[in-house]
């Protein structure tokens, strides 16, 4: 299920006019390592969490607490005011995958979302969202991010090699230059049976 819902908070923030970038595993699917992916626009939890919880509260029950790994979050507030309540924020350095956000609801349970870095290209983010929302997924959040980074490096290397090849006459070297056309010589092939 893909959810993109505009959110209008009581207090204006810079992400309010932009749709939420979130993809969730299909409802009722078997538990996987990840329940979906979230692609925030910044590393500011105070600005990003209200729109995320506004979408997830009706789907999963009121989100009461989230945890992150501080590796990629420069500031971790203890509490974030969201629509009608406050979400507690905690962190675990060694125990939690740095590319994962854990969301907790007292009424329903826990969900694990891949956090796609804000600077990720749209094509890579779309691929990561699809993989994280796959209910048959067996890779961790960090494994998905590492694989995407390796793919990005391989694509950049390939483009660089093609550029060098072309700049050194690669593809163009195989094209015929401006020579006069070769004249075809048409003649009769000797046939031994006819004595020619």
N, C-alpha and C. Protein backbone atom coordinates (compact mmCIF):
# COMPACT_ATOMS: atom_id res chain seq x y z
N UNK A 1 0.84 -1.16 0.00
CA UNK A 1 0.00 0.00 0.00
C UNK A 1 0.89 1.23 0.00
N UNK A 2 0.65 2.15 -0.85
CA UNK A 2 1.38 3.41 -0.89
C UNK A 2 0.50 4.49 -0.31
N UNK A 3 1.06 5.26 0.62
CA UNK A 3 0.29 6.31 1.24
C UNK A 3 0.97 7.63 0.97
N UNK A 4 0.27 8.53 0.35
CA UNK A 4 0.77 9.89 0.13
C UNK A 4 -0.37 10.83 0.48
N UNK A 5 -0.27 11.40 1.67
CA UNK A 5 -1.35 12.25 2.16
C UNK A 5 -0.76 13.59 2.59
N UNK A 6 -1.26 14.70 2.02
CA UNK A 6 -0.79 16.00 2.49
C UNK A 6 -1.21 16.21 3.94
N UNK A 7 -0.37 16.89 4.68
CA UNK A 7 -0.63 17.11 6.09
C UNK A 7 -0.57 18.61 6.37
N UNK A 8 -1.54 19.16 7.07
CA UNK A 8 -1.53 20.57 7.44
C UNK A 8 -1.51 20.67 8.96
N UNK A 9 -0.36 21.00 9.54
CA UNK A 9 -0.27 21.07 11.00
C UNK A 9 -0.85 22.37 11.56
N UNK A 10 -1.07 22.39 12.87
CA UNK A 10 -1.56 23.60 13.52
C UNK A 10 -0.48 24.68 13.46
N UNK A 11 0.78 24.29 13.60
CA UNK A 11 1.89 25.22 13.49
C UNK A 11 2.57 24.93 12.16
N UNK A 12 2.71 25.96 11.32
CA UNK A 12 3.32 25.78 9.99
C UNK A 12 4.75 25.29 10.12
N UNK A 13 5.11 24.28 9.36
CA UNK A 13 6.50 23.89 9.22
C UNK A 13 6.82 23.82 7.74
N UNK A 14 8.12 23.70 7.40
CA UNK A 14 8.52 23.78 6.00
C UNK A 14 8.14 22.56 5.18
N UNK A 15 7.77 21.46 5.81
CA UNK A 15 7.39 20.27 5.05
C UNK A 15 5.88 20.13 4.91
N UNK A 16 5.12 21.08 5.46
CA UNK A 16 3.67 20.96 5.50
C UNK A 16 3.02 20.87 4.13
N UNK A 17 3.56 21.58 3.16
CA UNK A 17 2.91 21.61 1.85
C UNK A 17 3.34 20.46 0.95
N UNK A 18 4.28 19.66 1.38
CA UNK A 18 4.78 18.57 0.56
C UNK A 18 4.16 17.24 0.99
N UNK A 19 3.86 16.36 0.04
CA UNK A 19 3.26 15.08 0.41
C UNK A 19 4.26 14.18 1.13
N UNK A 20 3.73 13.35 1.99
CA UNK A 20 4.55 12.40 2.73
C UNK A 20 5.05 11.32 1.78
N UNK A 21 6.30 10.95 1.89
CA UNK A 21 6.89 9.91 1.04
C UNK A 21 7.02 8.64 1.89
N UNK A 22 6.05 7.76 1.74
CA UNK A 22 5.93 6.58 2.59
C UNK A 22 5.35 5.44 1.78
N UNK A 23 5.89 4.24 1.97
CA UNK A 23 5.30 3.05 1.36
C UNK A 23 5.28 1.97 2.43
N UNK A 24 4.12 1.35 2.61
CA UNK A 24 3.93 0.34 3.63
C UNK A 24 3.67 -1.02 3.00
N UNK A 25 4.03 -2.07 3.72
CA UNK A 25 3.72 -3.43 3.28
C UNK A 25 2.20 -3.57 3.24
N UNK A 26 1.70 -4.44 2.38
CA UNK A 26 0.24 -4.63 2.30
C UNK A 26 -0.34 -5.04 3.65
N UNK A 27 -1.50 -4.51 3.97
CA UNK A 27 -2.17 -4.84 5.23
C UNK A 27 -2.45 -6.33 5.29
N UNK A 28 -2.21 -6.92 6.44
CA UNK A 28 -2.48 -8.34 6.63
C UNK A 28 -1.41 -9.27 6.09
N UNK A 29 -0.32 -8.74 5.56
CA UNK A 29 0.73 -9.61 5.05
C UNK A 29 1.54 -10.19 6.21
N UNK A 30 2.22 -11.29 5.92
CA UNK A 30 3.03 -11.95 6.94
C UNK A 30 4.12 -11.00 7.41
N UNK A 31 4.50 -11.08 8.68
CA UNK A 31 5.54 -10.20 9.19
C UNK A 31 6.87 -10.40 8.45
N UNK A 32 7.52 -9.31 8.13
CA UNK A 32 8.84 -9.33 7.50
C UNK A 32 9.79 -8.52 8.37
N UNK A 33 11.02 -8.39 7.95
CA UNK A 33 11.97 -7.60 8.74
C UNK A 33 11.61 -6.12 8.76
N UNK A 34 10.97 -5.65 7.70
CA UNK A 34 10.57 -4.25 7.62
C UNK A 34 9.09 -4.15 7.27
N UNK A 35 8.45 -3.12 7.78
CA UNK A 35 7.03 -2.91 7.50
C UNK A 35 6.81 -1.86 6.42
N UNK A 36 7.90 -1.37 5.85
CA UNK A 36 7.81 -0.37 4.80
C UNK A 36 9.00 0.56 4.84
N UNK A 37 8.86 1.69 4.14
CA UNK A 37 9.94 2.66 4.06
C UNK A 37 9.40 4.07 4.13
N UNK A 38 10.21 4.95 4.69
CA UNK A 38 9.88 6.36 4.83
C UNK A 38 11.05 7.16 4.27
N UNK A 39 10.76 8.13 3.43
CA UNK A 39 11.79 8.96 2.81
C UNK A 39 11.57 10.40 3.27
N UNK A 40 12.13 10.76 4.43
CA UNK A 40 11.94 12.12 4.93
C UNK A 40 12.67 13.13 4.06
N UNK A 41 12.29 14.37 4.17
CA UNK A 41 12.92 15.44 3.39
C UNK A 41 14.11 16.07 4.11
N UNK A 42 14.28 15.73 5.39
CA UNK A 42 15.39 16.28 6.17
C UNK A 42 15.73 15.31 7.30
N UNK A 43 16.75 15.68 8.06
CA UNK A 43 17.15 14.91 9.25
C UNK A 43 16.66 15.61 10.51
N UNK A 44 15.57 16.33 10.41
CA UNK A 44 14.99 17.07 11.53
C UNK A 44 13.74 16.33 12.01
N UNK A 45 13.89 15.58 13.09
CA UNK A 45 12.76 14.78 13.60
C UNK A 45 11.59 15.65 14.03
N UNK A 46 11.86 16.81 14.58
CA UNK A 46 10.77 17.69 15.02
C UNK A 46 9.91 18.12 13.83
N UNK A 47 10.53 18.33 12.68
CA UNK A 47 9.77 18.75 11.49
C UNK A 47 9.16 17.56 10.76
N UNK A 48 9.79 16.41 10.79
CA UNK A 48 9.36 15.26 9.99
C UNK A 48 8.34 14.34 10.66
N UNK A 49 8.45 14.14 11.97
CA UNK A 49 7.57 13.18 12.64
C UNK A 49 6.08 13.54 12.64
N UNK A 50 5.70 14.82 12.76
CA UNK A 50 4.26 15.11 12.78
C UNK A 50 3.52 14.60 11.54
N UNK A 51 4.08 14.79 10.35
CA UNK A 51 3.37 14.33 9.15
C UNK A 51 3.36 12.81 9.07
N UNK A 52 4.41 12.17 9.53
CA UNK A 52 4.44 10.69 9.53
C UNK A 52 3.39 10.12 10.47
N UNK A 53 3.34 10.63 11.69
CA UNK A 53 2.36 10.09 12.64
C UNK A 53 0.93 10.46 12.26
N UNK A 54 0.74 11.59 11.59
CA UNK A 54 -0.61 11.95 11.15
C UNK A 54 -1.18 10.91 10.20
N UNK A 55 -0.32 10.31 9.38
CA UNK A 55 -0.77 9.28 8.45
C UNK A 55 -0.88 7.92 9.15
N UNK A 56 0.07 7.61 10.02
CA UNK A 56 0.10 6.28 10.63
C UNK A 56 -0.88 6.10 11.79
N UNK A 57 -1.19 7.16 12.53
CA UNK A 57 -2.12 7.02 13.66
C UNK A 57 -3.44 6.36 13.26
N UNK A 58 -4.12 6.80 12.20
CA UNK A 58 -5.37 6.14 11.83
C UNK A 58 -5.18 4.71 11.33
N UNK A 59 -4.02 4.40 10.77
CA UNK A 59 -3.78 3.06 10.24
C UNK A 59 -3.34 2.07 11.31
N UNK A 60 -2.48 2.50 12.20
CA UNK A 60 -1.85 1.59 13.16
C UNK A 60 -2.21 1.86 14.61
N UNK A 61 -3.04 2.82 14.86
CA UNK A 61 -3.29 3.22 16.25
C UNK A 61 -2.35 4.34 16.61
N UNK A 62 -2.68 5.09 17.63
CA UNK A 62 -1.88 6.26 18.01
C UNK A 62 -0.43 5.88 18.28
N UNK A 63 0.47 6.52 17.53
CA UNK A 63 1.90 6.31 17.74
C UNK A 63 2.29 7.09 18.99
N UNK A 64 2.86 6.38 19.96
CA UNK A 64 3.19 7.00 21.25
C UNK A 64 4.70 7.20 21.43
N UNK A 65 5.50 6.42 20.72
CA UNK A 65 6.94 6.49 20.93
C UNK A 65 7.65 6.05 19.65
N UNK A 66 8.78 6.65 19.37
CA UNK A 66 9.64 6.22 18.27
C UNK A 66 11.07 6.14 18.78
N UNK A 67 11.85 5.27 18.15
CA UNK A 67 13.27 5.22 18.46
C UNK A 67 14.07 5.28 17.16
N UNK A 68 15.24 5.88 17.26
CA UNK A 68 16.15 6.00 16.13
C UNK A 68 17.56 5.66 16.60
N UNK A 69 18.46 5.49 15.66
CA UNK A 69 19.88 5.40 15.95
C UNK A 69 20.43 6.80 15.69
N UNK A 70 21.19 7.39 16.61
CA UNK A 70 21.63 8.79 16.43
C UNK A 70 22.69 8.99 15.34
N UNK A 71 23.14 7.94 14.69
CA UNK A 71 24.17 8.06 13.67
C UNK A 71 23.80 9.08 12.60
N UNK A 72 22.56 9.08 12.12
CA UNK A 72 22.15 9.96 11.03
C UNK A 72 21.17 11.05 11.45
N UNK A 73 20.91 11.17 12.73
CA UNK A 73 20.00 12.20 13.22
C UNK A 73 20.80 13.14 14.12
N UNK A 74 21.12 14.35 13.65
CA UNK A 74 21.99 15.24 14.41
C UNK A 74 21.39 15.71 15.75
N UNK A 75 20.08 15.90 15.80
CA UNK A 75 19.42 16.33 17.03
C UNK A 75 18.25 15.38 17.28
N UNK A 76 18.20 14.84 18.48
CA UNK A 76 17.09 13.93 18.84
C UNK A 76 16.32 14.56 20.00
N UNK A 77 15.15 15.10 19.70
CA UNK A 77 14.34 15.69 20.78
C UNK A 77 13.76 14.58 21.66
N UNK A 78 13.52 14.89 22.92
CA UNK A 78 12.93 13.88 23.81
C UNK A 78 11.45 13.65 23.50
N UNK A 79 10.79 14.72 23.06
CA UNK A 79 9.36 14.64 22.73
C UNK A 79 9.09 15.51 21.52
N UNK A 80 8.12 15.06 20.70
CA UNK A 80 7.71 15.83 19.53
C UNK A 80 6.19 15.99 19.59
N UNK A 81 5.71 17.24 19.60
CA UNK A 81 4.25 17.44 19.57
C UNK A 81 3.72 17.11 18.17
N UNK A 82 2.69 16.30 18.16
CA UNK A 82 2.05 15.94 16.89
C UNK A 82 0.57 16.27 17.04
N UNK A 83 -0.22 15.96 16.06
CA UNK A 83 -1.64 16.32 16.05
C UNK A 83 -2.38 15.71 17.25
N UNK A 84 -2.60 16.50 18.28
CA UNK A 84 -3.41 16.08 19.40
C UNK A 84 -2.70 15.32 20.50
N UNK A 85 -1.42 15.02 20.35
CA UNK A 85 -0.69 14.33 21.41
C UNK A 85 0.82 14.55 21.25
N UNK A 86 1.57 13.92 22.12
CA UNK A 86 3.02 14.04 22.10
C UNK A 86 3.61 12.66 21.87
N UNK A 87 4.62 12.59 21.00
CA UNK A 87 5.32 11.33 20.74
C UNK A 87 6.68 11.39 21.43
N UNK A 88 6.95 10.40 22.26
CA UNK A 88 8.25 10.30 22.91
C UNK A 88 9.27 9.79 21.90
N UNK A 89 10.48 10.30 21.99
CA UNK A 89 11.55 9.90 21.08
C UNK A 89 12.72 9.37 21.89
N UNK A 90 13.18 8.18 21.53
CA UNK A 90 14.33 7.59 22.18
C UNK A 90 15.36 7.18 21.16
N UNK A 91 16.52 6.76 21.62
CA UNK A 91 17.56 6.34 20.69
C UNK A 91 18.38 5.20 21.27
N UNK A 92 18.89 4.39 20.37
CA UNK A 92 19.78 3.28 20.72
C UNK A 92 20.91 3.26 19.70
N UNK A 93 22.12 3.41 20.14
CA UNK A 93 23.26 3.47 19.22
C UNK A 93 23.64 2.07 18.74
N UNK A 94 23.93 1.17 19.64
CA UNK A 94 24.43 -0.16 19.25
C UNK A 94 23.30 -1.13 18.91
N UNK A 95 22.16 -0.97 19.55
CA UNK A 95 21.09 -1.96 19.43
C UNK A 95 20.20 -1.78 18.21
N UNK A 96 20.19 -0.59 17.61
CA UNK A 96 19.25 -0.32 16.52
C UNK A 96 19.99 -0.03 15.23
N UNK A 97 19.50 -0.62 14.16
CA UNK A 97 20.03 -0.39 12.82
C UNK A 97 19.97 1.12 12.55
N UNK A 98 21.07 1.73 12.07
CA UNK A 98 21.06 3.18 11.86
C UNK A 98 20.11 3.66 10.76
N UNK A 99 19.65 2.75 9.91
CA UNK A 99 18.75 3.14 8.82
C UNK A 99 17.31 2.71 9.09
N UNK A 100 16.97 2.55 10.37
CA UNK A 100 15.63 2.09 10.71
C UNK A 100 15.01 3.00 11.77
N UNK A 101 13.72 3.19 11.64
CA UNK A 101 12.92 3.92 12.61
C UNK A 101 11.93 2.92 13.20
N UNK A 102 11.87 2.85 14.53
CA UNK A 102 10.90 1.97 15.19
C UNK A 102 9.77 2.84 15.71
N UNK A 103 8.54 2.43 15.43
CA UNK A 103 7.36 3.15 15.88
C UNK A 103 6.56 2.23 16.80
N UNK A 104 6.08 2.79 17.91
CA UNK A 104 5.34 2.00 18.89
C UNK A 104 3.97 2.60 19.13
N UNK A 105 2.99 1.71 19.28
CA UNK A 105 1.63 2.10 19.62
C UNK A 105 1.20 1.21 20.79
N UNK A 106 0.65 1.81 21.83
CA UNK A 106 0.21 1.01 22.97
C UNK A 106 -0.89 0.04 22.60
N UNK A 107 -1.71 0.41 21.64
CA UNK A 107 -2.87 -0.43 21.31
C UNK A 107 -2.56 -1.55 20.34
N UNK A 108 -1.56 -1.37 19.48
CA UNK A 108 -1.34 -2.35 18.42
C UNK A 108 0.02 -3.02 18.48
N UNK A 109 1.09 -2.29 18.68
CA UNK A 109 2.40 -2.93 18.72
C UNK A 109 3.51 -2.08 18.16
N UNK A 110 4.39 -2.72 17.38
CA UNK A 110 5.59 -2.06 16.87
C UNK A 110 5.72 -2.25 15.37
N UNK A 111 6.27 -1.22 14.70
CA UNK A 111 6.55 -1.29 13.28
C UNK A 111 7.96 -0.80 13.03
N UNK A 112 8.59 -1.40 12.05
CA UNK A 112 9.96 -1.05 11.67
C UNK A 112 9.94 -0.48 10.25
N UNK A 113 10.42 0.75 10.10
CA UNK A 113 10.48 1.38 8.78
C UNK A 113 11.92 1.64 8.39
N UNK A 114 12.23 1.34 7.14
CA UNK A 114 13.50 1.76 6.56
C UNK A 114 13.44 3.28 6.42
N UNK A 115 14.50 3.97 6.82
CA UNK A 115 14.59 5.41 6.63
C UNK A 115 15.55 5.65 5.47
N UNK A 116 15.00 6.13 4.38
CA UNK A 116 15.80 6.41 3.19
C UNK A 116 16.42 7.79 3.37
N UNK A 117 17.74 7.92 3.20
CA UNK A 117 18.38 9.23 3.37
C UNK A 117 17.72 10.29 2.51
N UNK A 118 17.52 11.49 3.05
CA UNK A 118 16.83 12.57 2.31
C UNK A 118 17.49 12.89 0.98
N UNK A 119 18.80 12.76 0.88
CA UNK A 119 19.52 13.12 -0.35
C UNK A 119 19.48 12.05 -1.43
N UNK A 120 18.81 10.96 -1.20
CA UNK A 120 18.72 9.85 -2.16
C UNK A 120 17.99 10.29 -3.42
N UNK A 121 18.46 9.80 -4.57
CA UNK A 121 17.79 10.13 -5.83
C UNK A 121 16.40 9.50 -5.87
N UNK A 122 15.47 10.10 -6.61
CA UNK A 122 14.11 9.55 -6.68
C UNK A 122 14.07 8.11 -7.20
N UNK A 123 14.88 7.76 -8.18
CA UNK A 123 14.86 6.40 -8.71
C UNK A 123 15.32 5.39 -7.67
N UNK A 124 16.39 5.72 -6.96
CA UNK A 124 16.90 4.83 -5.91
C UNK A 124 15.90 4.72 -4.77
N UNK A 125 15.31 5.86 -4.38
CA UNK A 125 14.32 5.85 -3.30
C UNK A 125 13.12 4.98 -3.67
N UNK A 126 12.66 5.08 -4.90
CA UNK A 126 11.51 4.26 -5.33
C UNK A 126 11.86 2.78 -5.24
N UNK A 127 13.05 2.41 -5.67
CA UNK A 127 13.48 1.01 -5.61
C UNK A 127 13.57 0.54 -4.15
N UNK A 128 14.14 1.38 -3.28
CA UNK A 128 14.25 1.03 -1.86
C UNK A 128 12.88 0.90 -1.21
N UNK A 129 11.96 1.79 -1.54
CA UNK A 129 10.61 1.73 -0.96
C UNK A 129 9.92 0.42 -1.35
N UNK A 130 10.04 0.06 -2.60
CA UNK A 130 9.41 -1.18 -3.08
C UNK A 130 10.00 -2.39 -2.37
N UNK A 131 11.32 -2.42 -2.23
CA UNK A 131 11.98 -3.56 -1.58
C UNK A 131 11.62 -3.63 -0.10
N UNK A 132 11.56 -2.48 0.58
CA UNK A 132 11.25 -2.47 2.01
C UNK A 132 9.79 -2.85 2.29
N UNK A 133 8.90 -2.56 1.36
CA UNK A 133 7.48 -2.87 1.55
C UNK A 133 7.11 -4.28 1.09
N UNK A 134 8.08 -5.02 0.57
CA UNK A 134 7.82 -6.39 0.11
C UNK A 134 7.65 -7.29 1.33
N UNK A 135 6.48 -7.90 1.50
CA UNK A 135 6.26 -8.74 2.69
C UNK A 135 7.14 -9.99 2.72
N UNK A 136 7.79 -10.30 1.62
CA UNK A 136 8.72 -11.45 1.60
C UNK A 136 10.16 -11.01 1.85
N UNK A 137 10.35 -9.74 2.17
CA UNK A 137 11.69 -9.18 2.33
C UNK A 137 12.47 -9.85 3.45
N UNK A 138 13.74 -10.11 3.19
CA UNK A 138 14.59 -10.76 4.19
C UNK A 138 15.85 -9.95 4.50
N UNK A 139 15.97 -8.76 3.88
CA UNK A 139 17.17 -7.95 4.11
C UNK A 139 16.90 -6.87 5.15
N UNK A 140 17.93 -6.57 5.92
CA UNK A 140 17.82 -5.53 6.93
C UNK A 140 17.83 -4.15 6.26
N UNK A 141 17.52 -3.14 7.03
CA UNK A 141 17.53 -1.77 6.51
C UNK A 141 18.93 -1.40 6.02
N UNK A 142 19.96 -1.69 6.80
CA UNK A 142 21.32 -1.36 6.38
C UNK A 142 21.74 -2.14 5.15
N UNK A 143 21.31 -3.39 5.03
CA UNK A 143 21.64 -4.19 3.84
C UNK A 143 21.02 -3.57 2.59
N UNK A 144 19.80 -3.09 2.69
CA UNK A 144 19.15 -2.44 1.55
C UNK A 144 19.88 -1.15 1.15
N UNK A 145 20.25 -0.35 2.14
CA UNK A 145 20.96 0.91 1.86
C UNK A 145 22.34 0.62 1.28
N UNK A 146 23.06 -0.36 1.84
CA UNK A 146 24.38 -0.72 1.31
C UNK A 146 24.30 -1.20 -0.13
N UNK A 147 23.30 -2.03 -0.42
CA UNK A 147 23.11 -2.52 -1.79
C UNK A 147 22.81 -1.38 -2.76
N UNK A 148 21.99 -0.43 -2.32
CA UNK A 148 21.67 0.73 -3.16
C UNK A 148 22.92 1.57 -3.42
N UNK A 149 23.76 1.72 -2.41
CA UNK A 149 25.00 2.49 -2.57
C UNK A 149 25.97 1.79 -3.52
N UNK A 150 26.07 0.48 -3.41
CA UNK A 150 26.92 -0.28 -4.34
C UNK A 150 26.41 -0.16 -5.77
N UNK A 151 25.11 -0.21 -5.94
CA UNK A 151 24.51 -0.06 -7.27
C UNK A 151 24.80 1.34 -7.83
N UNK A 152 24.68 2.36 -6.98
CA UNK A 152 24.96 3.75 -7.40
C UNK A 152 26.42 3.90 -7.84
N UNK A 153 27.34 3.33 -7.08
CA UNK A 153 28.76 3.41 -7.41
C UNK A 153 29.04 2.68 -8.72
N UNK A 154 28.44 1.50 -8.90
CA UNK A 154 28.63 0.74 -10.14
C UNK A 154 28.09 1.51 -11.34
N UNK A 155 26.93 2.14 -11.20
CA UNK A 155 26.36 2.92 -12.30
C UNK A 155 27.23 4.13 -12.63
N UNK A 156 27.73 4.81 -11.61
CA UNK A 156 28.62 5.96 -11.84
C UNK A 156 29.91 5.53 -12.51
N UNK A 157 30.46 4.39 -12.08
CA UNK A 157 31.69 3.87 -12.68
C UNK A 157 31.47 3.52 -14.13
N UNK A 158 30.35 2.87 -14.43
CA UNK A 158 30.04 2.50 -15.80
C UNK A 158 29.89 3.75 -16.68
N UNK A 159 29.18 4.76 -16.18
CA UNK A 159 29.03 6.00 -16.94
C UNK A 159 30.38 6.68 -17.17
N UNK A 160 31.23 6.63 -16.17
CA UNK A 160 32.55 7.24 -16.30
C UNK A 160 33.38 6.51 -17.34
N UNK A 161 33.33 5.17 -17.33
CA UNK A 161 34.09 4.38 -18.30
C UNK A 161 33.58 4.62 -19.72
N UNK A 162 32.27 4.72 -19.89
CA UNK A 162 31.71 4.98 -21.21
C UNK A 162 32.14 6.36 -21.70
N UNK A 163 32.15 7.32 -20.79
CA UNK A 163 32.57 8.68 -21.15
C UNK A 163 34.02 8.70 -21.60
N UNK A 164 34.89 7.99 -20.86
CA UNK A 164 36.30 7.91 -21.24
C UNK A 164 36.44 7.20 -22.59
N UNK A 165 35.74 6.14 -22.77
CA UNK A 165 35.77 5.37 -24.03
C UNK A 165 35.39 6.27 -25.19
N UNK A 166 34.29 7.01 -25.02
CA UNK A 166 33.84 7.90 -26.08
C UNK A 166 34.83 9.04 -26.32
N UNK A 167 35.41 9.59 -25.24
CA UNK A 167 36.35 10.71 -25.40
C UNK A 167 37.66 10.27 -26.07
N UNK A 168 37.97 8.99 -25.99
CA UNK A 168 39.19 8.47 -26.62
C UNK A 168 38.90 7.89 -28.00
N UNK A 169 37.74 8.15 -28.51
CA UNK A 169 37.40 7.68 -29.86
C UNK A 169 36.69 6.35 -29.86
N UNK A 170 36.28 5.86 -28.70
CA UNK A 170 35.63 4.56 -28.56
C UNK A 170 34.61 4.24 -29.62
N UNK A 171 33.38 4.61 -29.41
CA UNK A 171 32.30 4.27 -30.32
C UNK A 171 32.52 4.91 -31.69
N UNK A 172 32.96 6.14 -31.71
CA UNK A 172 33.18 6.85 -32.97
C UNK A 172 34.28 6.24 -33.82
N UNK A 173 35.23 5.55 -33.20
CA UNK A 173 36.35 4.96 -33.95
C UNK A 173 35.87 3.83 -34.86
N UNK A 174 34.74 3.25 -34.53
CA UNK A 174 34.23 2.14 -35.34
C UNK A 174 33.39 2.62 -36.51
N UNK A 175 33.03 3.88 -36.52
CA UNK A 175 32.20 4.40 -37.60
C UNK A 175 33.08 4.72 -38.81
N UNK A 176 32.61 4.47 -40.02
CA UNK A 176 33.43 4.78 -41.19
C UNK A 176 33.67 6.28 -41.30
N UNK A 177 34.86 6.61 -41.70
CA UNK A 177 35.19 8.02 -41.92
C UNK A 177 34.74 8.40 -43.31
N UNK A 178 34.99 9.63 -43.71
CA UNK A 178 34.52 10.08 -45.02
C UNK A 178 35.50 9.62 -46.12
N UNK A 179 35.35 8.42 -46.52
CA UNK A 179 36.13 7.86 -47.64
C UNK A 179 35.21 7.74 -48.84
N UNK A 180 35.82 7.60 -50.00
CA UNK A 180 34.99 7.37 -51.18
C UNK A 180 34.43 5.97 -51.11
N UNK A 181 33.21 5.80 -51.58
CA UNK A 181 32.59 4.47 -51.50
C UNK A 181 33.38 3.45 -52.33
N UNK A 182 33.40 2.23 -51.81
CA UNK A 182 34.08 1.14 -52.51
C UNK A 182 33.21 0.71 -53.68
N UNK A 183 33.84 0.60 -54.83
CA UNK A 183 33.11 0.15 -56.02
C UNK A 183 33.02 -1.37 -56.00
N UNK A 184 31.83 -1.86 -56.21
CA UNK A 184 31.64 -3.31 -56.24
C UNK A 184 32.12 -3.83 -57.59
N UNK A 185 32.81 -4.95 -57.55
CA UNK A 185 33.26 -5.60 -58.78
C UNK A 185 32.35 -6.78 -59.01
N UNK A 186 31.65 -6.74 -60.14
CA UNK A 186 30.71 -7.81 -60.45
C UNK A 186 31.29 -8.60 -61.61
N UNK A 187 31.37 -9.86 -61.44
CA UNK A 187 31.89 -10.69 -62.51
C UNK A 187 31.25 -12.05 -62.43
N UNK A 188 31.62 -12.90 -63.34
CA UNK A 188 31.05 -14.23 -63.38
C UNK A 188 31.99 -15.17 -62.64
N UNK A 189 31.41 -15.98 -61.78
CA UNK A 189 32.19 -16.97 -61.05
C UNK A 189 32.36 -18.18 -61.97
N UNK A 190 33.59 -18.65 -62.13
CA UNK A 190 33.80 -19.83 -63.00
C UNK A 190 33.03 -21.02 -62.49
N UNK A 191 32.43 -21.75 -63.42
CA UNK A 191 31.69 -22.96 -63.10
C UNK A 191 32.39 -24.11 -63.81
N UNK A 192 32.99 -25.00 -63.05
CA UNK A 192 33.77 -26.10 -63.61
C UNK A 192 32.90 -27.04 -64.42
N UNK A 193 31.64 -27.20 -64.08
CA UNK A 193 30.76 -28.13 -64.81
C UNK A 193 30.48 -27.63 -66.21
N UNK A 194 30.42 -26.35 -66.41
CA UNK A 194 30.12 -25.80 -67.72
C UNK A 194 31.40 -25.47 -68.49
N UNK A 195 32.53 -25.57 -67.80
CA UNK A 195 33.78 -25.28 -68.45
C UNK A 195 34.04 -23.81 -68.57
N UNK A 196 33.39 -23.03 -67.80
CA UNK A 196 33.60 -21.59 -67.88
C UNK A 196 34.66 -21.18 -66.87
